[in-house]
Amino acid sequence: MAVDRKLDSIFDLHDAMKVRTRKNGVIDIGKNLGNYDAIDIGLFVSPVEIFTYLGKAKSASNQGDCSLTDAVRLMAADGKTQVIEIGDTWWQDVDTPGALRYAEKNLTPLVRS
């Protein structure tokens, strides 16, 4: 899982997927974490085993559904996750009109240079 540790640069921190890490592993993941040190940027390399964890997450759900976050949380509990820091690389989560405007404003100068 690729993560960003530049927490001050996150456009919508409230909506961001927060990650608590230890060394290179994930300890916990979720939008409502109070204690976190990184943000999930939405880039994953997953083994085939992720589908087993998705099945476990679905079975554990009261609604009979699950998310990638649920599966990653279960994998983390088994010590099977690893984070890669993006360093100074710029990225932007775009899932609202406000985030799109922010991305366009910040990406345009990068593209023109």
Protein backbone atom coordinates (compact mmCIF):
# COMPACT_ATOMS: atom_id res chain seq x y z
CA MET A 1 0.00 0.00 0.00
CA ALA A 2 1.39 3.39 -0.96
CA VAL A 3 1.09 6.02 1.78
CA ASP A 4 1.74 9.70 2.25
CA ARG A 5 3.22 10.87 5.55
CA LYS A 6 2.95 14.58 4.63
CA LEU A 7 -0.22 14.99 6.70
CA ASP A 8 -0.14 18.79 6.52
CA SER A 9 -0.50 18.65 2.72
CA ILE A 10 -3.70 16.57 2.60
CA PHE A 11 -6.56 18.55 1.03
CA ASP A 12 -9.49 16.90 2.85
CA LEU A 13 -7.95 15.18 5.86
CA HIS A 14 -11.37 14.49 7.38
CA ASP A 15 -12.33 12.30 4.39
CA ALA A 16 -8.90 10.71 3.94
CA MET A 17 -8.22 7.02 4.64
CA LYS A 18 -5.95 7.17 7.66
CA VAL A 19 -3.30 4.54 8.36
CA ARG A 20 -1.42 3.72 11.55
CA THR A 21 1.88 2.05 10.78
CA ARG A 22 4.73 0.39 12.60
CA LYS A 23 7.99 0.11 10.69
CA ASN A 24 6.80 -0.91 7.21
CA GLY A 25 3.55 -2.59 8.25
CA VAL A 26 -0.04 -1.48 8.74
CA ILE A 27 -1.38 -1.59 12.29
CA ASP A 28 -4.83 -0.16 11.49
CA ILE A 29 -6.67 1.62 8.70
CA GLY A 30 -9.88 3.64 8.60
CA LYS A 31 -11.37 7.07 7.98
CA ASN A 32 -12.12 7.59 11.68
CA LEU A 33 -8.76 6.66 13.22
CA GLY A 34 -7.76 9.07 15.95
CA ASN A 35 -4.12 8.00 16.01
CA TYR A 36 -2.49 7.72 12.57
CA ASP A 37 0.79 8.60 10.89
CA ALA A 38 0.02 8.20 7.18
CA ILE A 39 -2.68 8.49 4.53
CA ASP A 40 -3.55 5.71 2.07
CA ILE A 41 -3.25 7.16 -1.44
CA GLY A 42 -5.29 4.38 -3.06
CA LEU A 43 -2.44 2.52 -4.75
CA PHE A 44 -2.15 -1.16 -3.83
CA VAL A 45 -0.23 -4.20 -4.96
CA SER A 46 -2.11 -7.16 -3.55
CA PRO A 47 -1.44 -10.88 -3.58
CA VAL A 48 -4.17 -13.27 -4.74
CA GLU A 49 -4.73 -13.90 -1.03
CA ILE A 50 -6.59 -10.55 -0.88
CA PHE A 51 -9.67 -12.38 -2.18
CA THR A 52 -9.59 -14.75 0.80
CA TYR A 53 -9.50 -11.73 3.11
CA LEU A 54 -12.35 -10.06 1.21
CA GLY A 55 -14.38 -13.24 1.76
CA LYS A 56 -13.56 -13.20 5.48
CA ALA A 57 -14.52 -9.53 5.71
CA LYS A 58 -17.82 -10.19 3.92
CA SER A 59 -18.60 -13.12 6.24
CA ALA A 60 -17.92 -10.95 9.28
CA SER A 61 -20.15 -8.12 8.03
CA ASN A 62 -23.67 -7.70 9.42
CA GLN A 63 -24.76 -6.36 6.02
CA GLY A 64 -23.04 -9.11 4.02
CA ASP A 65 -20.74 -6.68 2.24
CA CYS A 66 -17.16 -5.54 2.60
CA SER A 67 -14.57 -3.10 1.32
CA LEU A 68 -10.93 -3.25 0.37
CA THR A 69 -10.24 -1.43 3.64
CA ASP A 70 -11.92 -4.26 5.58
CA ALA A 71 -9.72 -6.83 3.86
CA VAL A 72 -6.55 -4.78 4.40
CA ARG A 73 -7.44 -4.43 8.09
CA LEU A 74 -7.69 -8.23 8.39
CA MET A 75 -4.43 -8.72 6.50
CA ALA A 76 -2.79 -6.18 8.82
CA ALA A 77 -3.97 -8.14 11.86
CA ASP A 78 -2.16 -11.16 10.39
CA GLY A 79 0.99 -9.11 9.71
CA LYS A 80 0.59 -9.39 5.94
CA THR A 81 0.71 -5.76 4.88
CA GLN A 82 3.51 -3.47 3.89
CA VAL A 83 3.60 0.26 3.21
CA ILE A 84 5.67 2.17 0.70
CA GLU A 85 6.11 5.88 1.35
CA ILE A 86 5.67 8.20 -1.63
CA GLY A 87 8.10 10.79 -0.23
CA ASP A 88 7.85 14.17 -1.95
CA THR A 89 5.66 12.89 -4.79
CA TRP A 90 2.47 14.93 -5.30
CA TRP A 91 -0.89 13.19 -5.48
CA GLN A 92 -4.50 14.16 -4.94
CA ASP A 93 -7.59 12.15 -4.10
CA VAL A 94 -10.41 13.42 -6.33
CA ASP A 95 -13.88 12.35 -5.29
CA THR A 96 -15.68 15.69 -4.84
CA PRO A 97 -16.04 18.82 -7.00
CA GLY A 98 -13.95 20.75 -4.44
CA ALA A 99 -11.15 18.20 -4.63
CA LEU A 100 -11.24 18.38 -8.43
CA ARG A 101 -10.87 22.17 -8.37
CA TYR A 102 -7.99 21.88 -5.88
CA ALA A 103 -6.27 19.24 -8.04
CA GLU A 104 -6.66 21.32 -11.21
CA LYS A 105 -5.27 24.39 -9.46
CA ASN A 106 -2.23 22.50 -8.16
CA LEU A 107 -1.60 20.17 -11.09
CA THR A 108 -1.73 22.77 -13.87
CA PRO A 109 1.56 24.48 -12.84
CA LEU A 110 3.27 21.07 -12.59
CA VAL A 111 2.17 20.10 -16.10
CA ARG A 112 3.28 23.42 -17.61
CA SER A 113 6.78 23.29 -16.13
